[in-house]
Amino acid sequence: MVVSTAKVISYNDIVKAQAKHDAKEAVPVKGKHGPKRKSSTPVVAVAKRTQKSEVEVAEDEIKAMGLENRCSVLQF
């Protein structure tokens, strides 16, 4: 039979240990500093669709599904 030893800790010791642990975790980790890398692929700008073209696309989809009598597109 093996008997282990235990350490008795007071409530104040627990609170102090938690505060010390929390303070240690609160320290921000600094990352590496330096110039940003340039992307090897050029960024292509995507043209924004206007509200009118979105409405037209939605109406075309409704017509294609045959739901003209049941659906409509609201314009604000």
PDB file of N, CA and C in Angstrom:
ATOM      1  N   MET A   1       0.829  -1.166   0.000  1.00  0.00           N
ATOM      2  CA  MET A   1       0.000   0.000   0.000  1.00  0.00           C
ATOM      3  C   MET A   1       0.887   1.247   0.000  1.00  0.00           C
ATOM      4  N   VAL A   2       0.558   2.208  -0.917  1.00  0.00           N
ATOM      5  CA  VAL A   2       1.356   3.429  -1.039  1.00  0.00           C
ATOM      6  C   VAL A   2       0.559   4.585  -0.446  1.00  0.00           C
ATOM      7  N   VAL A   3       1.208   5.325   0.410  1.00  0.00           N
ATOM      8  CA  VAL A   3       0.562   6.482   1.024  1.00  0.00           C
ATOM      9  C   VAL A   3       1.204   7.722   0.432  1.00  0.00           C
ATOM     10  N   SER A   4       0.384   8.606  -0.118  1.00  0.00           N
ATOM     11  CA  SER A   4       0.885   9.848  -0.713  1.00  0.00           C
ATOM     12  C   SER A   4       0.767  10.983   0.283  1.00  0.00           C
ATOM     13  N   THR A   5       1.537  11.984   0.030  1.00  0.00           N
ATOM     14  CA  THR A   5       1.452  13.165   0.887  1.00  0.00           C
ATOM     15  C   THR A   5       0.608  14.216   0.181  1.00  0.00           C
ATOM     16  N   ALA A   6      -0.050  15.025   0.949  1.00  0.00           N
ATOM     17  CA  ALA A   6      -0.884  16.089   0.403  1.00  0.00           C
ATOM     18  C   ALA A   6      -0.472  17.408   1.027  1.00  0.00           C
ATOM     19  N   LYS A   7      -0.642  18.474   0.255  1.00  0.00           N
ATOM     20  CA  LYS A   7      -0.300  19.797   0.748  1.00  0.00           C
ATOM     21  C   LYS A   7      -1.596  20.524   1.071  1.00  0.00           C
ATOM     22  N   VAL A   8      -1.682  21.082   2.256  1.00  0.00           N
ATOM     23  CA  VAL A   8      -2.864  21.826   2.665  1.00  0.00           C
ATOM     24  C   VAL A   8      -2.646  23.284   2.295  1.00  0.00           C
ATOM     25  N   ILE A   9      -3.603  23.836   1.526  1.00  0.00           N
ATOM     26  CA  ILE A   9      -3.482  25.208   1.057  1.00  0.00           C
ATOM     27  C   ILE A   9      -4.662  25.999   1.604  1.00  0.00           C
ATOM     28  N   SER A  10      -4.373  27.175   2.105  1.00  0.00           N
ATOM     29  CA  SER A  10      -5.449  28.021   2.616  1.00  0.00           C
ATOM     30  C   SER A  10      -6.146  28.736   1.454  1.00  0.00           C
ATOM     31  N   TYR A  11      -7.319  29.260   1.727  1.00  0.00           N
ATOM     32  CA  TYR A  11      -8.095  29.975   0.707  1.00  0.00           C
ATOM     33  C   TYR A  11      -7.310  31.185   0.200  1.00  0.00           C
ATOM     34  N   ASN A  12      -6.634  31.883   1.086  1.00  0.00           N
ATOM     35  CA  ASN A  12      -5.843  33.062   0.681  1.00  0.00           C
ATOM     36  C   ASN A  12      -4.726  32.667  -0.279  1.00  0.00           C
ATOM     37  N   ASP A  13      -4.092  31.528  -0.042  1.00  0.00           N
ATOM     38  CA  ASP A  13      -3.041  31.057  -0.946  1.00  0.00           C
ATOM     39  C   ASP A  13      -3.617  30.737  -2.328  1.00  0.00           C
ATOM     40  N   ILE A  14      -4.823  30.180  -2.365  1.00  0.00           N
ATOM     41  CA  ILE A  14      -5.468  29.865  -3.650  1.00  0.00           C
ATOM     42  C   ILE A  14      -5.774  31.148  -4.416  1.00  0.00           C
ATOM     43  N   VAL A  15      -6.308  32.164  -3.708  1.00  0.00           N
ATOM     44  CA  VAL A  15      -6.644  33.438  -4.347  1.00  0.00           C
ATOM     45  C   VAL A  15      -5.378  34.094  -4.887  1.00  0.00           C
ATOM     46  N   LYS A  16      -4.296  34.069  -4.125  1.00  0.00           N
ATOM     47  CA  LYS A  16      -3.038  34.662  -4.572  1.00  0.00           C
ATOM     48  C   LYS A  16      -2.495  33.925  -5.804  1.00  0.00           C
ATOM     49  N   ALA A  17      -2.584  32.613  -5.802  1.00  0.00           N
ATOM     50  CA  ALA A  17      -2.090  31.821  -6.936  1.00  0.00           C
ATOM     51  C   ALA A  17      -2.922  32.098  -8.185  1.00  0.00           C
ATOM     52  N   GLN A  18      -4.255  32.229  -8.025  1.00  0.00           N
ATOM     53  CA  GLN A  18      -5.110  32.539  -9.178  1.00  0.00           C
ATOM     54  C   GLN A  18      -4.791  33.920  -9.735  1.00  0.00           C
ATOM     55  N   ALA A  19      -4.580  34.906  -8.853  1.00  0.00           N
ATOM     56  CA  ALA A  19      -4.251  36.262  -9.291  1.00  0.00           C
ATOM     57  C   ALA A  19      -2.912  36.271 -10.039  1.00  0.00           C
ATOM     58  N   LYS A  20      -1.965  35.521  -9.534  1.00  0.00           N
ATOM     59  CA  LYS A  20      -0.652  35.439 -10.182  1.00  0.00           C
ATOM     60  C   LYS A  20      -0.777  34.780 -11.557  1.00  0.00           C
ATOM     61  N   HIS A  21      -1.588  33.728 -11.643  1.00  0.00           N
ATOM     62  CA  HIS A  21      -1.805  33.029 -12.910  1.00  0.00           C
ATOM     63  C   HIS A  21      -2.514  33.937 -13.919  1.00  0.00           C
ATOM     64  N   ASP A  22      -3.551  34.660 -13.452  1.00  0.00           N
ATOM     65  CA  ASP A  22      -4.283  35.572 -14.336  1.00  0.00           C
ATOM     66  C   ASP A  22      -3.397  36.695 -14.852  1.00  0.00           C
ATOM     67  N   ALA A  23      -2.543  37.224 -13.988  1.00  0.00           N
ATOM     68  CA  ALA A  23      -1.631  38.292 -14.399  1.00  0.00           C
ATOM     69  C   ALA A  23      -0.643  37.785 -15.442  1.00  0.00           C
ATOM     70  N   LYS A  24      -0.225  36.563 -15.285  1.00  0.00           N
ATOM     71  CA  LYS A  24       0.726  35.980 -16.225  1.00  0.00           C
ATOM     72  C   LYS A  24       0.077  35.788 -17.597  1.00  0.00           C
ATOM     73  N   GLU A  25      -1.204  35.376 -17.629  1.00  0.00           N
ATOM     74  CA  GLU A  25      -1.907  35.191 -18.891  1.00  0.00           C
ATOM     75  C   GLU A  25      -2.280  36.514 -19.543  1.00  0.00           C
ATOM     76  N   ALA A  26      -2.423  37.591 -18.762  1.00  0.00           N
ATOM     77  CA  ALA A  26      -2.846  38.885 -19.294  1.00  0.00           C
ATOM     78  C   ALA A  26      -1.741  39.598 -20.056  1.00  0.00           C
ATOM     79  N   VAL A  27      -0.502  39.179 -19.897  1.00  0.00           N
ATOM     80  CA  VAL A  27       0.608  39.822 -20.595  1.00  0.00           C
ATOM     81  C   VAL A  27       0.477  39.522 -22.090  1.00  0.00           C
ATOM     82  N   PRO A  28       0.392  40.578 -22.927  1.00  0.00           N
ATOM     83  CA  PRO A  28       0.232  40.340 -24.362  1.00  0.00           C
ATOM     84  C   PRO A  28       1.491  39.739 -24.975  1.00  0.00           C
ATOM     85  N   VAL A  29       1.282  38.840 -25.885  1.00  0.00           N
ATOM     86  CA  VAL A  29       2.393  38.210 -26.589  1.00  0.00           C
ATOM     87  C   VAL A  29       2.658  39.027 -27.842  1.00  0.00           C
ATOM     88  N   LYS A  30       3.863  39.509 -27.971  1.00  0.00           N
ATOM     89  CA  LYS A  30       4.204  40.333 -29.125  1.00  0.00           C
ATOM     90  C   LYS A  30       4.603  39.433 -30.286  1.00  0.00           C
ATOM     91  N   GLY A  31       4.068  39.776 -31.458  1.00  0.00           N
ATOM     92  CA  GLY A  31       4.403  39.023 -32.653  1.00  0.00           C
ATOM     93  C   GLY A  31       5.638  39.588 -33.321  1.00  0.00           C
ATOM     94  N   LYS A  32       6.005  38.996 -34.396  1.00  0.00           N
ATOM     95  CA  LYS A  32       7.163  39.470 -35.138  1.00  0.00           C
ATOM     96  C   LYS A  32       6.808  40.747 -35.880  1.00  0.00           C
ATOM     97  N   HIS A  33       7.718  41.680 -35.886  1.00  0.00           N
ATOM     98  CA  HIS A  33       7.511  42.934 -36.595  1.00  0.00           C
ATOM     99  C   HIS A  33       8.367  42.929 -37.854  1.00  0.00           C
ATOM    100  N   GLY A  34       7.884  43.570 -38.864  1.00  0.00           N
ATOM    101  CA  GLY A  34       8.637  43.656 -40.091  1.00  0.00           C
ATOM    102  C   GLY A  34       7.721  44.045 -41.230  1.00  0.00           C
ATOM    103  N   PRO A  35       8.300  44.191 -42.402  1.00  0.00           N
ATOM    104  CA  PRO A  35       7.473  44.585 -43.539  1.00  0.00           C
ATOM    105  C   PRO A  35       6.495  43.483 -43.922  1.00  0.00           C
ATOM    106  N   LYS A  36       5.340  43.914 -44.383  1.00  0.00           N
ATOM    107  CA  LYS A  36       4.342  42.946 -44.811  1.00  0.00           C
ATOM    108  C   LYS A  36       4.761  42.356 -46.146  1.00  0.00           C
ATOM    109  N   ARG A  37       4.424  41.108 -46.339  1.00  0.00           N
ATOM    110  CA  ARG A  37       4.750  40.449 -47.594  1.00  0.00           C
ATOM    111  C   ARG A  37       3.766  40.861 -48.667  1.00  0.00           C
ATOM    112  N   LYS A  38       4.275  40.996 -49.855  1.00  0.00           N
ATOM    113  CA  LYS A  38       3.411  41.338 -50.969  1.00  0.00           C
ATOM    114  C   LYS A  38       2.810  40.064 -51.539  1.00  0.00           C
ATOM    115  N   SER A  39       1.577  40.164 -51.971  1.00  0.00           N
ATOM    116  CA  SER A  39       0.888  39.024 -52.538  1.00  0.00           C
ATOM    117  C   SER A  39       1.481  38.713 -53.908  1.00  0.00           C
ATOM    118  N   SER A  40       1.643  37.443 -54.205  1.00  0.00           N
ATOM    119  CA  SER A  40       2.205  37.062 -55.497  1.00  0.00           C
ATOM    120  C   SER A  40       1.165  37.122 -56.604  1.00  0.00           C
ATOM    121  N   THR A  41      -0.112  37.071 -56.238  1.00  0.00           N
ATOM    122  CA  THR A  41      -1.169  37.145 -57.237  1.00  0.00           C
ATOM    123  C   THR A  41      -1.830  38.510 -57.164  1.00  0.00           C
ATOM    124  N   PRO A  42      -2.072  39.138 -58.313  1.00  0.00           N
ATOM    125  CA  PRO A  42      -2.699  40.454 -58.287  1.00  0.00           C
ATOM    126  C   PRO A  42      -4.162  40.352 -57.846  1.00  0.00           C
ATOM    127  N   VAL A  43      -4.611  41.365 -57.160  1.00  0.00           N
ATOM    128  CA  VAL A  43      -5.992  41.399 -56.689  1.00  0.00           C
ATOM    129  C   VAL A  43      -6.849  41.997 -57.795  1.00  0.00           C
ATOM    130  N   VAL A  44      -7.895  41.273 -58.176  1.00  0.00           N
ATOM    131  CA  VAL A  44      -8.780  41.727 -59.236  1.00  0.00           C
ATOM    132  C   VAL A  44      -9.997  42.363 -58.589  1.00  0.00           C
ATOM    133  N   ALA A  45     -10.307  43.588 -58.999  1.00  0.00           N
ATOM    134  CA  ALA A  45     -11.459  44.281 -58.444  1.00  0.00           C
ATOM    135  C   ALA A  45     -12.728  43.687 -59.040  1.00  0.00           C
ATOM    136  N   VAL A  46     -13.689  43.421 -58.180  1.00  0.00           N
ATOM    137  CA  VAL A  46     -14.958  42.863 -58.616  1.00  0.00           C
ATOM    138  C   VAL A  46     -15.948  44.008 -58.733  1.00  0.00           C
ATOM    139  N   ALA A  47     -16.580  44.109 -59.892  1.00  0.00           N
ATOM    140  CA  ALA A  47     -17.550  45.173 -60.101  1.00  0.00           C
ATOM    141  C   ALA A  47     -18.776  44.908 -59.254  1.00  0.00           C
ATOM    142  N   LYS A  48     -19.277  45.949 -58.614  1.00  0.00           N
ATOM    143  CA  LYS A  48     -20.474  45.813 -57.805  1.00  0.00           C
ATOM    144  C   LYS A  48     -21.692  45.822 -58.704  1.00  0.00           C
ATOM    145  N   ARG A  49     -22.649  44.955 -58.386  1.00  0.00           N
ATOM    146  CA  ARG A  49     -23.885  44.938 -59.147  1.00  0.00           C
ATOM    147  C   ARG A  49     -24.797  46.023 -58.603  1.00  0.00           C
ATOM    148  N   THR A  50     -25.498  46.649 -59.477  1.00  0.00           N
ATOM    149  CA  THR A  50     -26.440  47.665 -59.037  1.00  0.00           C
ATOM    150  C   THR A  50     -27.718  46.995 -58.582  1.00  0.00           C
ATOM    151  N   GLN A  51     -28.557  47.753 -57.903  1.00  0.00           N
ATOM    152  CA  GLN A  51     -29.805  47.200 -57.410  1.00  0.00           C
ATOM    153  C   GLN A  51     -30.689  46.777 -58.570  1.00  0.00           C
ATOM    154  N   LYS A  52     -30.660  47.538 -59.659  1.00  0.00           N
ATOM    155  CA  LYS A  52     -31.500  47.216 -60.808  1.00  0.00           C
ATOM    156  C   LYS A  52     -31.102  45.867 -61.402  1.00  0.00           C
ATOM    157  N   SER A  53     -29.800  45.628 -61.540  1.00  0.00           N
ATOM    158  CA  SER A  53     -29.384  44.356 -62.127  1.00  0.00           C
ATOM    159  C   SER A  53     -29.724  43.190 -61.195  1.00  0.00           C
ATOM    160  N   GLU A  54     -29.642  43.395 -59.885  1.00  0.00           N
ATOM    161  CA  GLU A  54     -30.013  42.344 -58.944  1.00  0.00           C
ATOM    162  C   GLU A  54     -31.497  42.029 -59.059  1.00  0.00           C
ATOM    163  N   VAL A  55     -32.307  43.057 -59.235  1.00  0.00           N
ATOM    164  CA  VAL A  55     -33.742  42.855 -59.397  1.00  0.00           C
ATOM    165  C   VAL A  55     -34.019  42.086 -60.680  1.00  0.00           C
ATOM    166  N   GLU A  56     -33.326  42.454 -61.737  1.00  0.00           N
ATOM    167  CA  GLU A  56     -33.521  41.762 -63.012  1.00  0.00           C
ATOM    168  C   GLU A  56     -33.123  40.297 -62.907  1.00  0.00           C
ATOM    169  N   VAL A  57     -32.030  40.012 -62.240  1.00  0.00           N
ATOM    170  CA  VAL A  57     -31.577  38.634 -62.063  1.00  0.00           C
ATOM    171  C   VAL A  57     -32.608  37.847 -61.263  1.00  0.00           C
ATOM    172  N   ALA A  58     -33.131  38.450 -60.199  1.00  0.00           N
ATOM    173  CA  ALA A  58     -34.121  37.768 -59.374  1.00  0.00           C
ATOM    174  C   ALA A  58     -35.400  37.497 -60.164  1.00  0.00           C
ATOM    175  N   GLU A  59     -35.829  38.478 -60.962  1.00  0.00           N
ATOM    176  CA  GLU A  59     -37.034  38.281 -61.776  1.00  0.00           C
ATOM    177  C   GLU A  59     -36.831  37.179 -62.806  1.00  0.00           C
ATOM    178  N   ASP A  60     -35.640  37.126 -63.400  1.00  0.00           N
ATOM    179  CA  ASP A  60     -35.343  36.067 -64.367  1.00  0.00           C
ATOM    180  C   ASP A  60     -35.380  34.687 -63.709  1.00  0.00           C
ATOM    181  N   GLU A  61     -34.864  34.596 -62.474  1.00  0.00           N
ATOM    182  CA  GLU A  61     -34.880  33.319 -61.761  1.00  0.00           C
ATOM    183  C   GLU A  61     -36.309  32.886 -61.441  1.00  0.00           C
ATOM    184  N   ILE A  62     -37.145  33.853 -61.073  1.00  0.00           N
ATOM    185  CA  ILE A  62     -38.544  33.540 -60.769  1.00  0.00           C
ATOM    186  C   ILE A  62     -39.248  33.036 -62.029  1.00  0.00           C
ATOM    187  N   LYS A  63     -38.982  33.698 -63.160  1.00  0.00           N
ATOM    188  CA  LYS A  63     -39.598  33.269 -64.416  1.00  0.00           C
ATOM    189  C   LYS A  63     -39.114  31.882 -64.822  1.00  0.00           C
ATOM    190  N   ALA A  64     -37.827  31.611 -64.624  1.00  0.00           N
ATOM    191  CA  ALA A  64     -37.258  30.323 -64.997  1.00  0.00           C
ATOM    192  C   ALA A  64     -37.871  29.184 -64.174  1.00  0.00           C
ATOM    193  N   MET A  65     -38.241  29.463 -62.930  1.00  0.00           N
ATOM    194  CA  MET A  65     -38.832  28.440 -62.077  1.00  0.00           C
ATOM    195  C   MET A  65     -40.343  28.339 -62.259  1.00  0.00           C
ATOM    196  N   GLY A  66     -40.908  29.266 -63.017  1.00  0.00           N
ATOM    197  CA  GLY A  66     -42.347  29.241 -63.251  1.00  0.00           C
ATOM    198  C   GLY A  66     -43.154  29.678 -62.038  1.00  0.00           C
ATOM    199  N   LEU A  67     -42.613  30.568 -61.248  1.00  0.00           N
ATOM    200  CA  LEU A  67     -43.280  31.014 -60.028  1.00  0.00           C
ATOM    201  C   LEU A  67     -43.771  32.459 -60.132  1.00  0.00           C
ATOM    202  N   GLU A  68     -44.065  32.932 -61.342  1.00  0.00           N
ATOM    203  CA  GLU A  68     -44.444  34.327 -61.529  1.00  0.00           C
ATOM    204  C   GLU A  68     -45.721  34.690 -60.773  1.00  0.00           C
ATOM    205  N   ASN A  69     -46.650  33.746 -60.647  1.00  0.00           N
ATOM    206  CA  ASN A  69     -47.905  34.020 -59.965  1.00  0.00           C
ATOM    207  C   ASN A  69     -47.779  33.925 -58.451  1.00  0.00           C
ATOM    208  N   ARG A  70     -46.718  33.363 -57.949  1.00  0.00           N
ATOM    209  CA  ARG A  70     -46.568  33.134 -56.522  1.00  0.00           C
ATOM    210  C   ARG A  70     -45.502  34.000 -55.861  1.00  0.00           C
ATOM    211  N   CYS A  71     -44.585  34.540 -56.666  1.00  0.00           N
ATOM    212  CA  CYS A  71     -43.465  35.297 -56.100  1.00  0.00           C
ATOM    213  C   CYS A  71     -43.354  36.663 -56.776  1.00  0.00           C
ATOM    214  N   SER A  72     -42.723  37.577 -56.054  1.00  0.00           N
ATOM    215  CA  SER A  72     -42.422  38.877 -56.632  1.00  0.00           C
ATOM    216  C   SER A  72     -41.172  39.418 -55.933  1.00  0.00           C
ATOM    217  N   VAL A  73     -40.596  40.438 -56.528  1.00  0.00           N
ATOM    218  CA  VAL A  73     -39.391  41.050 -55.974  1.00  0.00           C
ATOM    219  C   VAL A  73     -39.761  42.419 -55.446  1.00  0.00           C
ATOM    220  N   LEU A  74     -39.451  42.649 -54.179  1.00  0.00           N
ATOM    221  CA  LEU A  74     -39.737  43.941 -53.570  1.00  0.00           C
ATOM    222  C   LEU A  74     -38.560  44.885 -53.812  1.00  0.00           C
ATOM    223  N   GLN A  75     -38.864  46.117 -54.147  1.00  0.00           N
ATOM    224  CA  GLN A  75     -37.824  47.126 -54.352  1.00  0.00           C
ATOM    225  C   GLN A  75     -37.997  48.207 -53.306  1.00  0.00           C
ATOM    226  N   PHE A  76     -36.937  48.543 -52.621  1.00  0.00           N
ATOM    227  CA  PHE A  76     -36.993  49.576 -51.579  1.00  0.00           C
ATOM    228  C   PHE A  76     -36.311  50.821 -52.045  1.00  0.00           C
TER     229      PHE A  76
END
